[in-house]
């Protein structure tokens, strides 16, 4: 398994935009976990033999349950639910209580 740590959430969300534009059109799930006292947002991409975990450490836990991600500009905002903007992806933030992933913090 490969881990990629991003400096900002903006950079990590670009992976979602790129993935949604691929031939498969798959949008990765976005997860939140408090891991060793740190708020982390992460997602997994790839398949058998090539799983990649993308993550970013955030100061605070997400206040809302979705990210509205504009496909064309990459701008994002947190949202309470799925909206009606056809040019946006609405990515749910799923709360994880425990994980077997051992994030390489540091």
PDB file of N, CA and C in Angstrom:
ATOM      1  N   UNK A   1       0.847  -1.165   0.000  1.00  0.00           N
ATOM      2  CA  UNK A   1       0.000   0.000   0.000  1.00  0.00           C
ATOM      3  C   UNK A   1       0.897   1.233   0.000  1.00  0.00           C
ATOM      4  N   UNK A   2       0.490   2.239  -0.748  1.00  0.00           N
ATOM      5  CA  UNK A   2       1.223   3.493  -0.833  1.00  0.00           C
ATOM      6  C   UNK A   2       0.415   4.587  -0.164  1.00  0.00           C
ATOM      7  N   UNK A   3       1.084   5.452   0.594  1.00  0.00           N
ATOM      8  CA  UNK A   3       0.438   6.581   1.247  1.00  0.00           C
ATOM      9  C   UNK A   3       0.959   7.876   0.643  1.00  0.00           C
ATOM     10  N   UNK A   4       0.048   8.786   0.348  1.00  0.00           N
ATOM     11  CA  UNK A   4       0.417  10.114  -0.139  1.00  0.00           C
ATOM     12  C   UNK A   4      -0.188  11.147   0.802  1.00  0.00           C
ATOM     13  N   UNK A   5       0.667  11.945   1.425  1.00  0.00           N
ATOM     14  CA  UNK A   5       0.204  12.991   2.333  1.00  0.00           C
ATOM     15  C   UNK A   5       0.249  14.322   1.576  1.00  0.00           C
ATOM     16  N   UNK A   6      -0.856  15.048   1.613  1.00  0.00           N
ATOM     17  CA  UNK A   6      -0.958  16.320   0.918  1.00  0.00           C
ATOM     18  C   UNK A   6      -0.797  17.471   1.902  1.00  0.00           C
ATOM     19  N   UNK A   7      -0.268  18.601   1.405  1.00  0.00           N
ATOM     20  CA  UNK A   7      -0.136  19.787   2.247  1.00  0.00           C
ATOM     21  C   UNK A   7      -1.485  20.434   2.504  1.00  0.00           C
ATOM     22  N   UNK A   8      -2.378  20.394   1.494  1.00  0.00           N
ATOM     23  CA  UNK A   8      -3.673  21.058   1.634  1.00  0.00           C
ATOM     24  C   UNK A   8      -4.791  20.162   1.125  1.00  0.00           C
ATOM     25  N   UNK A   9      -5.980  20.418   1.635  1.00  0.00           N
ATOM     26  CA  UNK A   9      -7.160  19.706   1.157  1.00  0.00           C
ATOM     27  C   UNK A   9      -7.414  20.028  -0.313  1.00  0.00           C
ATOM     28  N   UNK A  10      -7.123  21.254  -0.738  1.00  0.00           N
ATOM     29  CA  UNK A  10      -7.297  21.648  -2.138  1.00  0.00           C
ATOM     30  C   UNK A  10      -6.575  20.670  -3.071  1.00  0.00           C
ATOM     31  N   UNK A  11      -5.328  20.362  -2.731  1.00  0.00           N
ATOM     32  CA  UNK A  11      -4.547  19.456  -3.585  1.00  0.00           C
ATOM     33  C   UNK A  11      -5.143  18.061  -3.613  1.00  0.00           C
ATOM     34  N   UNK A  12      -5.579  17.562  -2.471  1.00  0.00           N
ATOM     35  CA  UNK A  12      -6.134  16.209  -2.434  1.00  0.00           C
ATOM     36  C   UNK A  12      -7.441  16.124  -3.213  1.00  0.00           C
ATOM     37  N   UNK A  13      -8.249  17.180  -3.166  1.00  0.00           N
ATOM     38  CA  UNK A  13      -9.526  17.153  -3.881  1.00  0.00           C
ATOM     39  C   UNK A  13      -9.347  17.135  -5.396  1.00  0.00           C
ATOM     40  N   UNK A  14      -8.195  17.558  -5.872  1.00  0.00           N
ATOM     41  CA  UNK A  14      -7.919  17.479  -7.312  1.00  0.00           C
ATOM     42  C   UNK A  14      -7.905  16.026  -7.786  1.00  0.00           C
ATOM     43  N   UNK A  15      -7.551  15.107  -6.900  1.00  0.00           N
ATOM     44  CA  UNK A  15      -7.583  13.675  -7.238  1.00  0.00           C
ATOM     45  C   UNK A  15      -9.016  13.254  -7.524  1.00  0.00           C
ATOM     46  N   UNK A  16      -9.970  13.766  -6.756  1.00  0.00           N
ATOM     47  CA  UNK A  16     -11.374  13.434  -6.976  1.00  0.00           C
ATOM     48  C   UNK A  16     -11.845  13.969  -8.321  1.00  0.00           C
ATOM     49  N   UNK A  17     -11.474  15.199  -8.650  1.00  0.00           N
ATOM     50  CA  UNK A  17     -11.862  15.766  -9.951  1.00  0.00           C
ATOM     51  C   UNK A  17     -11.280  14.931 -11.075  1.00  0.00           C
ATOM     52  N   UNK A  18     -10.004  14.593 -10.976  1.00  0.00           N
ATOM     53  CA  UNK A  18      -9.356  13.788 -12.017  1.00  0.00           C
ATOM     54  C   UNK A  18     -10.021  12.418 -12.131  1.00  0.00           C
ATOM     55  N   UNK A  19     -10.289  11.771 -11.003  1.00  0.00           N
ATOM     56  CA  UNK A  19     -10.910  10.444 -11.019  1.00  0.00           C
ATOM     57  C   UNK A  19     -12.294  10.477 -11.640  1.00  0.00           C
ATOM     58  N   UNK A  20     -13.048  11.530 -11.374  1.00  0.00           N
ATOM     59  CA  UNK A  20     -14.413  11.615 -11.902  1.00  0.00           C
ATOM     60  C   UNK A  20     -14.424  11.828 -13.412  1.00  0.00           C
ATOM     61  N   UNK A  21     -13.316  12.308 -13.967  1.00  0.00           N
ATOM     62  CA  UNK A  21     -13.228  12.550 -15.409  1.00  0.00           C
ATOM     63  C   UNK A  21     -12.608  11.380 -16.161  1.00  0.00           C
ATOM     64  N   UNK A  22     -12.200  10.345 -15.444  1.00  0.00           N
ATOM     65  CA  UNK A  22     -11.598   9.185 -16.099  1.00  0.00           C
ATOM     66  C   UNK A  22     -12.674   8.380 -16.826  1.00  0.00           C
ATOM     67  N   UNK A  23     -12.256   7.405 -17.589  1.00  0.00           N
ATOM     68  CA  UNK A  23     -13.195   6.574 -18.352  1.00  0.00           C
ATOM     69  C   UNK A  23     -14.175   5.844 -17.430  1.00  0.00           C
ATOM     70  N   UNK A  24     -13.709   5.470 -16.243  1.00  0.00           N
ATOM     71  CA  UNK A  24     -14.581   4.758 -15.312  1.00  0.00           C
ATOM     72  C   UNK A  24     -15.512   5.704 -14.577  1.00  0.00           C
ATOM     73  N   UNK A  25     -15.136   6.974 -14.491  1.00  0.00           N
ATOM     74  CA  UNK A  25     -15.978   7.965 -13.826  1.00  0.00           C
ATOM     75  C   UNK A  25     -16.213   7.687 -12.362  1.00  0.00           C
ATOM     76  N   UNK A  26     -15.226   7.112 -11.692  1.00  0.00           N
ATOM     77  CA  UNK A  26     -15.364   6.737 -10.290  1.00  0.00           C
ATOM     78  C   UNK A  26     -14.959   7.913  -9.400  1.00  0.00           C
ATOM     79  N   UNK A  27     -15.799   8.213  -8.410  1.00  0.00           N
ATOM     80  CA  UNK A  27     -15.478   9.242  -7.428  1.00  0.00           C
ATOM     81  C   UNK A  27     -15.117   8.543  -6.126  1.00  0.00           C
ATOM     82  N   UNK A  28     -13.871   8.720  -5.652  1.00  0.00           N
ATOM     83  CA  UNK A  28     -13.486   8.065  -4.402  1.00  0.00           C
ATOM     84  C   UNK A  28     -14.312   8.567  -3.222  1.00  0.00           C
ATOM     85  N   UNK A  29     -14.511   7.716  -2.233  1.00  0.00           N
ATOM     86  CA  UNK A  29     -15.196   8.098  -1.005  1.00  0.00           C
ATOM     87  C   UNK A  29     -14.208   8.877  -0.144  1.00  0.00           C
ATOM     88  N   UNK A  30     -14.707   9.860   0.586  1.00  0.00           N
ATOM     89  CA  UNK A  30     -13.874  10.681   1.464  1.00  0.00           C
ATOM     90  C   UNK A  30     -14.227  10.338   2.910  1.00  0.00           C
ATOM     91  N   UNK A  31     -13.210  10.024   3.695  1.00  0.00           N
ATOM     92  CA  UNK A  31     -13.412   9.584   5.068  1.00  0.00           C
ATOM     93  C   UNK A  31     -12.759  10.550   6.053  1.00  0.00           C
ATOM     94  N   UNK A  32     -13.368  10.691   7.233  1.00  0.00           N
ATOM     95  CA  UNK A  32     -12.764  11.448   8.332  1.00  0.00           C
ATOM     96  C   UNK A  32     -12.530  10.488   9.486  1.00  0.00           C
ATOM     97  N   UNK A  33     -11.345  10.621  10.100  1.00  0.00           N
ATOM     98  CA  UNK A  33     -11.039   9.841  11.298  1.00  0.00           C
ATOM     99  C   UNK A  33     -10.156  10.690  12.206  1.00  0.00           C
ATOM    100  N   UNK A  34     -10.345  10.530  13.505  1.00  0.00           N
ATOM    101  CA  UNK A  34      -9.424  11.129  14.453  1.00  0.00           C
ATOM    102  C   UNK A  34      -8.400  10.049  14.749  1.00  0.00           C
ATOM    103  N   UNK A  35      -7.196  10.215  14.230  1.00  0.00           N
ATOM    104  CA  UNK A  35      -6.141   9.205  14.332  1.00  0.00           C
ATOM    105  C   UNK A  35      -4.992   9.784  15.164  1.00  0.00           C
ATOM    106  N   UNK A  36      -4.729   9.184  16.299  1.00  0.00           N
ATOM    107  CA  UNK A  36      -3.678   9.667  17.204  1.00  0.00           C
ATOM    108  C   UNK A  36      -3.846  11.145  17.540  1.00  0.00           C
ATOM    109  N   UNK A  37      -5.094  11.566  17.768  1.00  0.00           N
ATOM    110  CA  UNK A  37      -5.372  12.942  18.150  1.00  0.00           C
ATOM    111  C   UNK A  37      -5.363  13.944  17.015  1.00  0.00           C
ATOM    112  N   UNK A  38      -5.262  13.459  15.771  1.00  0.00           N
ATOM    113  CA  UNK A  38      -5.243  14.357  14.615  1.00  0.00           C
ATOM    114  C   UNK A  38      -6.450  14.088  13.729  1.00  0.00           C
ATOM    115  N   UNK A  39      -7.081  15.153  13.239  1.00  0.00           N
ATOM    116  CA  UNK A  39      -8.206  15.023  12.313  1.00  0.00           C
ATOM    117  C   UNK A  39      -7.663  14.792  10.912  1.00  0.00           C
ATOM    118  N   UNK A  40      -8.013  13.652  10.350  1.00  0.00           N
ATOM    119  CA  UNK A  40      -7.515  13.295   9.025  1.00  0.00           C
ATOM    120  C   UNK A  40      -8.686  13.080   8.079  1.00  0.00           C
ATOM    121  N   UNK A  41      -8.531  13.581   6.870  1.00  0.00           N
ATOM    122  CA  UNK A  41      -9.432  13.246   5.768  1.00  0.00           C
ATOM    123  C   UNK A  41      -8.620  12.378   4.828  1.00  0.00           C
ATOM    124  N   UNK A  42      -9.218  11.256   4.395  1.00  0.00           N
ATOM    125  CA  UNK A  42      -8.476  10.379   3.492  1.00  0.00           C
ATOM    126  C   UNK A  42      -9.411   9.696   2.507  1.00  0.00           C
ATOM    127  N   UNK A  43      -8.811   9.168   1.455  1.00  0.00           N
ATOM    128  CA  UNK A  43      -9.537   8.378   0.457  1.00  0.00           C
ATOM    129  C   UNK A  43      -8.575   7.344  -0.094  1.00  0.00           C
ATOM    130  N   UNK A  44      -9.143   6.308  -0.690  1.00  0.00           N
ATOM    131  CA  UNK A  44      -8.349   5.259  -1.318  1.00  0.00           C
ATOM    132  C   UNK A  44      -8.643   5.249  -2.806  1.00  0.00           C
ATOM    133  N   UNK A  45      -7.595   5.076  -3.594  1.00  0.00           N
ATOM    134  CA  UNK A  45      -7.758   4.888  -5.031  1.00  0.00           C
ATOM    135  C   UNK A  45      -6.963   3.657  -5.428  1.00  0.00           C
ATOM    136  N   UNK A  46      -7.201   3.187  -6.634  1.00  0.00           N
ATOM    137  CA  UNK A  46      -6.473   2.032  -7.128  1.00  0.00           C
ATOM    138  C   UNK A  46      -7.289   0.766  -6.985  1.00  0.00           C
ATOM    139  N   UNK A  47      -6.656  -0.326  -7.332  1.00  0.00           N
ATOM    140  CA  UNK A  47      -7.322  -1.620  -7.303  1.00  0.00           C
ATOM    141  C   UNK A  47      -6.328  -2.664  -6.817  1.00  0.00           C
ATOM    142  N   UNK A  48      -6.613  -3.897  -7.115  1.00  0.00           N
ATOM    143  CA  UNK A  48      -5.791  -5.019  -6.666  1.00  0.00           C
ATOM    144  C   UNK A  48      -4.331  -4.774  -7.027  1.00  0.00           C
ATOM    145  N   UNK A  49      -3.472  -4.863  -6.016  1.00  0.00           N
ATOM    146  CA  UNK A  49      -2.039  -4.725  -6.234  1.00  0.00           C
ATOM    147  C   UNK A  49      -1.546  -3.291  -6.308  1.00  0.00           C
ATOM    148  N   UNK A  50      -2.421  -2.303  -6.243  1.00  0.00           N
ATOM    149  CA  UNK A  50      -1.965  -0.931  -6.375  1.00  0.00           C
ATOM    150  C   UNK A  50      -2.812   0.066  -5.617  1.00  0.00           C
ATOM    151  N   UNK A  51      -3.106  -0.197  -4.366  1.00  0.00           N
ATOM    152  CA  UNK A  51      -3.954   0.694  -3.589  1.00  0.00           C
ATOM    153  C   UNK A  51      -3.128   1.875  -3.088  1.00  0.00           C
ATOM    154  N   UNK A  52      -3.698   3.081  -3.244  1.00  0.00           N
ATOM    155  CA  UNK A  52      -3.056   4.306  -2.778  1.00  0.00           C
ATOM    156  C   UNK A  52      -4.004   4.985  -1.791  1.00  0.00           C
ATOM    157  N   UNK A  53      -3.472   5.361  -0.641  1.00  0.00           N
ATOM    158  CA  UNK A  53      -4.235   6.104   0.362  1.00  0.00           C
ATOM    159  C   UNK A  53      -3.762   7.553   0.291  1.00  0.00           C
ATOM    160  N   UNK A  54      -4.690   8.451  -0.007  1.00  0.00           N
ATOM    161  CA  UNK A  54      -4.415   9.886  -0.075  1.00  0.00           C
ATOM    162  C   UNK A  54      -4.952  10.488   1.218  1.00  0.00           C
ATOM    163  N   UNK A  55      -4.156  11.312   1.901  1.00  0.00           N
ATOM    164  CA  UNK A  55      -4.669  11.886   3.141  1.00  0.00           C
ATOM    165  C   UNK A  55      -4.109  13.279   3.389  1.00  0.00           C
ATOM    166  N   UNK A  56      -4.831  14.004   4.226  1.00  0.00           N
ATOM    167  CA  UNK A  56      -4.418  15.332   4.653  1.00  0.00           C
ATOM    168  C   UNK A  56      -4.820  15.476   6.118  1.00  0.00           C
ATOM    169  N   UNK A  57      -3.981  16.135   6.896  1.00  0.00           N
ATOM    170  CA  UNK A  57      -4.281  16.388   8.299  1.00  0.00           C
ATOM    171  C   UNK A  57      -4.906  17.774   8.395  1.00  0.00           C
ATOM    172  N   UNK A  58      -6.033  17.858   9.069  1.00  0.00           N
ATOM    173  CA  UNK A  58      -6.771  19.105   9.215  1.00  0.00           C
ATOM    174  C   UNK A  58      -6.725  19.563  10.671  1.00  0.00           C
ATOM    175  N   UNK A  59      -6.826  20.864  10.878  1.00  0.00           N
ATOM    176  CA  UNK A  59      -6.834  21.417  12.229  1.00  0.00           C
ATOM    177  C   UNK A  59      -8.095  20.988  12.984  1.00  0.00           C
ATOM    178  N   UNK A  60      -9.239  21.067  12.309  1.00  0.00           N
ATOM    179  CA  UNK A  60     -10.522  20.757  12.934  1.00  0.00           C
ATOM    180  C   UNK A  60     -11.227  19.646  12.170  1.00  0.00           C
ATOM    181  N   UNK A  61     -12.171  19.009  12.826  1.00  0.00           N
ATOM    182  CA  UNK A  61     -12.999  18.012  12.150  1.00  0.00           C
ATOM    183  C   UNK A  61     -13.967  18.745  11.224  1.00  0.00           C
ATOM    184  N   UNK A  62     -14.389  18.123  10.143  1.00  0.00           N
ATOM    185  CA  UNK A  62     -15.334  18.783   9.228  1.00  0.00           C
ATOM    186  C   UNK A  62     -16.642  19.113   9.947  1.00  0.00           C
ATOM    187  N   UNK A  63     -17.125  20.343   9.764  1.00  0.00           N
ATOM    188  CA  UNK A  63     -18.349  20.792  10.425  1.00  0.00           C
ATOM    189  C   UNK A  63     -19.599  20.336   9.684  1.00  0.00           C
ATOM    190  N   UNK A  64     -19.446  19.961   8.420  1.00  0.00           N
ATOM    191  CA  UNK A  64     -20.596  19.561   7.608  1.00  0.00           C
ATOM    192  C   UNK A  64     -20.328  18.190   7.002  1.00  0.00           C
ATOM    193  N   UNK A  65     -21.361  17.584   6.421  1.00  0.00           N
ATOM    194  CA  UNK A  65     -21.302  16.190   5.978  1.00  0.00           C
ATOM    195  C   UNK A  65     -20.907  15.988   4.513  1.00  0.00           C
ATOM    196  N   UNK A  66     -20.815  17.065   3.733  1.00  0.00           N
ATOM    197  CA  UNK A  66     -20.479  16.954   2.311  1.00  0.00           C
ATOM    198  C   UNK A  66     -19.480  18.033   1.918  1.00  0.00           C
ATOM    199  N   UNK A  67     -18.763  17.764   0.856  1.00  0.00           N
ATOM    200  CA  UNK A  67     -17.964  18.788   0.192  1.00  0.00           C
ATOM    201  C   UNK A  67     -18.583  19.008  -1.177  1.00  0.00           C
ATOM    202  N   UNK A  68     -18.901  20.256  -1.486  1.00  0.00           N
ATOM    203  CA  UNK A  68     -19.346  20.625  -2.828  1.00  0.00           C
ATOM    204  C   UNK A  68     -18.093  21.010  -3.591  1.00  0.00           C
ATOM    205  N   UNK A  69     -17.770  20.241  -4.610  1.00  0.00           N
ATOM    206  CA  UNK A  69     -16.542  20.404  -5.372  1.00  0.00           C
ATOM    207  C   UNK A  69     -16.887  20.788  -6.801  1.00  0.00           C
ATOM    208  N   UNK A  70     -16.535  21.998  -7.198  1.00  0.00           N
ATOM    209  CA  UNK A  70     -16.840  22.480  -8.543  1.00  0.00           C
ATOM    210  C   UNK A  70     -15.894  21.823  -9.540  1.00  0.00           C
ATOM    211  N   UNK A  71     -16.467  21.139 -10.522  1.00  0.00           N
ATOM    212  CA  UNK A  71     -15.682  20.361 -11.491  1.00  0.00           C
ATOM    213  C   UNK A  71     -14.728  21.219 -12.323  1.00  0.00           C
ATOM    214  N   UNK A  72     -15.151  22.400 -12.711  1.00  0.00           N
ATOM    215  CA  UNK A  72     -14.352  23.205 -13.637  1.00  0.00           C
ATOM    216  C   UNK A  72     -13.253  24.004 -12.948  1.00  0.00           C
ATOM    217  N   UNK A  73     -13.522  24.523 -11.770  1.00  0.00           N
ATOM    218  CA  UNK A  73     -12.547  25.392 -11.111  1.00  0.00           C
ATOM    219  C   UNK A  73     -11.767  24.697  -9.998  1.00  0.00           C
ATOM    220  N   UNK A  74     -12.308  23.613  -9.456  1.00  0.00           N
ATOM    221  CA  UNK A  74     -11.667  22.952  -8.325  1.00  0.00           C
ATOM    222  C   UNK A  74     -11.979  23.609  -6.993  1.00  0.00           C
ATOM    223  N   UNK A  75     -12.746  24.690  -7.011  1.00  0.00           N
ATOM    224  CA  UNK A  75     -13.135  25.340  -5.763  1.00  0.00           C
ATOM    225  C   UNK A  75     -14.056  24.405  -4.985  1.00  0.00           C
ATOM    226  N   UNK A  76     -13.998  24.525  -3.672  1.00  0.00           N
ATOM    227  CA  UNK A  76     -14.851  23.668  -2.854  1.00  0.00           C
ATOM    228  C   UNK A  76     -15.385  24.441  -1.661  1.00  0.00           C
ATOM    229  N   UNK A  77     -16.457  23.913  -1.109  1.00  0.00           N
ATOM    230  CA  UNK A  77     -17.009  24.427   0.144  1.00  0.00           C
ATOM    231  C   UNK A  77     -17.673  23.252   0.843  1.00  0.00           C
ATOM    232  N   UNK A  78     -17.821  23.385   2.144  1.00  0.00           N
ATOM    233  CA  UNK A  78     -18.498  22.347   2.910  1.00  0.00           C
ATOM    234  C   UNK A  78     -19.991  22.610   2.845  1.00  0.00           C
ATOM    235  N   UNK A  79     -20.784  21.544   2.765  1.00  0.00           N
ATOM    236  CA  UNK A  79     -22.237  21.676   2.614  1.00  0.00           C
ATOM    237  C   UNK A  79     -22.943  20.685   3.534  1.00  0.00           C
ATOM    238  N   UNK A  80     -24.198  21.006   3.848  1.00  0.00           N
ATOM    239  CA  UNK A  80     -24.994  20.123   4.707  1.00  0.00           C
ATOM    240  C   UNK A  80     -25.564  18.924   3.962  1.00  0.00           C
ATOM    241  N   UNK A  81     -25.699  19.040   2.632  1.00  0.00           N
ATOM    242  CA  UNK A  81     -26.291  17.955   1.860  1.00  0.00           C
ATOM    243  C   UNK A  81     -26.003  18.117   0.382  1.00  0.00           C
ATOM    244  N   UNK A  82     -26.605  17.271  -0.395  1.00  0.00           N
ATOM    245  CA  UNK A  82     -26.446  17.305  -1.844  1.00  0.00           C
ATOM    246  C   UNK A  82     -27.261  18.462  -2.395  1.00  0.00           C
ATOM    247  N   UNK A  83     -26.622  19.292  -3.212  1.00  0.00           N
ATOM    248  CA  UNK A  83     -27.291  20.448  -3.803  1.00  0.00           C
ATOM    249  C   UNK A  83     -27.748  20.177  -5.219  1.00  0.00           C
ATOM    250  N   UNK A  84     -28.062  21.236  -5.923  1.00  0.00           N
ATOM    251  CA  UNK A  84     -28.626  21.109  -7.268  1.00  0.00           C
ATOM    252  C   UNK A  84     -27.700  21.611  -8.367  1.00  0.00           C
ATOM    253  N   UNK A  85     -26.482  22.008  -8.025  1.00  0.00           N
ATOM    254  CA  UNK A  85     -25.539  22.515  -9.021  1.00  0.00           C
ATOM    255  C   UNK A  85     -24.994  21.347  -9.853  1.00  0.00           C
ATOM    256  N   UNK A  86     -25.386  21.281 -11.111  1.00  0.00           N
ATOM    257  CA  UNK A  86     -24.984  20.171 -11.982  1.00  0.00           C
ATOM    258  C   UNK A  86     -23.491  20.204 -12.321  1.00  0.00           C
ATOM    259  N   UNK A  87     -22.835  21.335 -12.100  1.00  0.00           N
ATOM    260  CA  UNK A  87     -21.399  21.452 -12.378  1.00  0.00           C
ATOM    261  C   UNK A  87     -20.538  21.081 -11.173  1.00  0.00           C
ATOM    262  N   UNK A  88     -21.182  20.626 -10.115  1.00  0.00           N
ATOM    263  CA  UNK A  88     -20.451  20.269  -8.897  1.00  0.00           C
ATOM    264  C   UNK A  88     -20.607  18.798  -8.567  1.00  0.00           C
ATOM    265  N   UNK A  89     -19.583  18.261  -7.933  1.00  0.00           N
ATOM    266  CA  UNK A  89     -19.660  16.942  -7.322  1.00  0.00           C
ATOM    267  C   UNK A  89     -19.974  17.157  -5.845  1.00  0.00           C
ATOM    268  N   UNK A  90     -20.837  16.354  -5.304  1.00  0.00           N
ATOM    269  CA  UNK A  90     -21.151  16.418  -3.879  1.00  0.00           C
ATOM    270  C   UNK A  90     -20.579  15.160  -3.247  1.00  0.00           C
ATOM    271  N   UNK A  91     -19.484  15.324  -2.536  1.00  0.00           N
ATOM    272  CA  UNK A  91     -18.741  14.196  -1.985  1.00  0.00           C
ATOM    273  C   UNK A  91     -19.076  14.059  -0.502  1.00  0.00           C
ATOM    274  N   UNK A  92     -19.661  12.919  -0.107  1.00  0.00           N
ATOM    275  CA  UNK A  92     -19.960  12.740   1.319  1.00  0.00           C
ATOM    276  C   UNK A  92     -18.678  12.542   2.119  1.00  0.00           C
ATOM    277  N   UNK A  93     -18.684  13.044   3.345  1.00  0.00           N
ATOM    278  CA  UNK A  93     -17.577  12.815   4.275  1.00  0.00           C
ATOM    279  C   UNK A  93     -18.079  11.782   5.280  1.00  0.00           C
ATOM    280  N   UNK A  94     -17.535  10.597   5.212  1.00  0.00           N
ATOM    281  CA  UNK A  94     -17.973   9.498   6.071  1.00  0.00           C
ATOM    282  C   UNK A  94     -17.111   9.448   7.327  1.00  0.00           C
ATOM    283  N   UNK A  95     -17.743   9.337   8.474  1.00  0.00           N
ATOM    284  CA  UNK A  95     -17.037   9.275   9.755  1.00  0.00           C
ATOM    285  C   UNK A  95     -16.601   7.845  10.043  1.00  0.00           C
ATOM    286  N   UNK A  96     -15.316   7.664  10.269  1.00  0.00           N
ATOM    287  CA  UNK A  96     -14.754   6.355  10.591  1.00  0.00           C
ATOM    288  C   UNK A  96     -14.394   6.351  12.073  1.00  0.00           C
ATOM    289  N   UNK A  97     -14.848   5.342  12.778  1.00  0.00           N
ATOM    290  CA  UNK A  97     -14.530   5.244  14.200  1.00  0.00           C
ATOM    291  C   UNK A  97     -13.170   4.595  14.418  1.00  0.00           C
ATOM    292  N   UNK A  98     -12.885   3.517  13.679  1.00  0.00           N
ATOM    293  CA  UNK A  98     -11.616   2.802  13.797  1.00  0.00           C
ATOM    294  C   UNK A  98     -11.182   2.368  12.413  1.00  0.00           C
ATOM    295  N   UNK A  99      -9.877   2.188  12.261  1.00  0.00           N
ATOM    296  CA  UNK A  99      -9.327   1.734  10.991  1.00  0.00           C
ATOM    297  C   UNK A  99      -8.109   0.879  11.256  1.00  0.00           C
ATOM    298  N   UNK A 100      -7.843  -0.068  10.358  1.00  0.00           N
ATOM    299  CA  UNK A 100      -6.630  -0.860  10.465  1.00  0.00           C
ATOM    300  C   UNK A 100      -5.477  -0.196   9.711  1.00  0.00           C
ATOM    301  N   UNK A 101      -5.748   0.920   9.043  1.00  0.00           N
ATOM    302  CA  UNK A 101      -4.684   1.639   8.342  1.00  0.00           C
ATOM    303  C   UNK A 101      -3.717   2.233   9.357  1.00  0.00           C
ATOM    304  N   UNK A 102      -2.437   2.139   9.069  1.00  0.00           N
ATOM    305  CA  UNK A 102      -1.414   2.707   9.933  1.00  0.00           C
ATOM    306  C   UNK A 102      -0.780   3.878   9.185  1.00  0.00           C
ATOM    307  N   UNK A 103      -1.374   5.057   9.352  1.00  0.00           N
ATOM    308  CA  UNK A 103      -0.920   6.225   8.613  1.00  0.00           C
ATOM    309  C   UNK A 103       0.489   6.627   9.039  1.00  0.00           C
ATOM    310  N   UNK A 104       1.336   6.903   8.070  1.00  0.00           N
ATOM    311  CA  UNK A 104       2.699   7.351   8.396  1.00  0.00           C
ATOM    312  C   UNK A 104       2.682   8.854   8.703  1.00  0.00           C
ATOM    313  N   UNK A 105       2.388   9.206   9.946  1.00  0.00           N
ATOM    314  CA  UNK A 105       2.313  10.610  10.339  1.00  0.00           C
ATOM    315  C   UNK A 105       3.711  11.173  10.490  1.00  0.00           C
ATOM    316  N   UNK A 106       3.849  12.407  10.146  1.00  0.00           N
ATOM    317  CA  UNK A 106       5.155  13.032  10.337  1.00  0.00           C
ATOM    318  C   UNK A 106       5.594  13.809   9.147  1.00  0.00           C
TER     319      UNK A 106
END
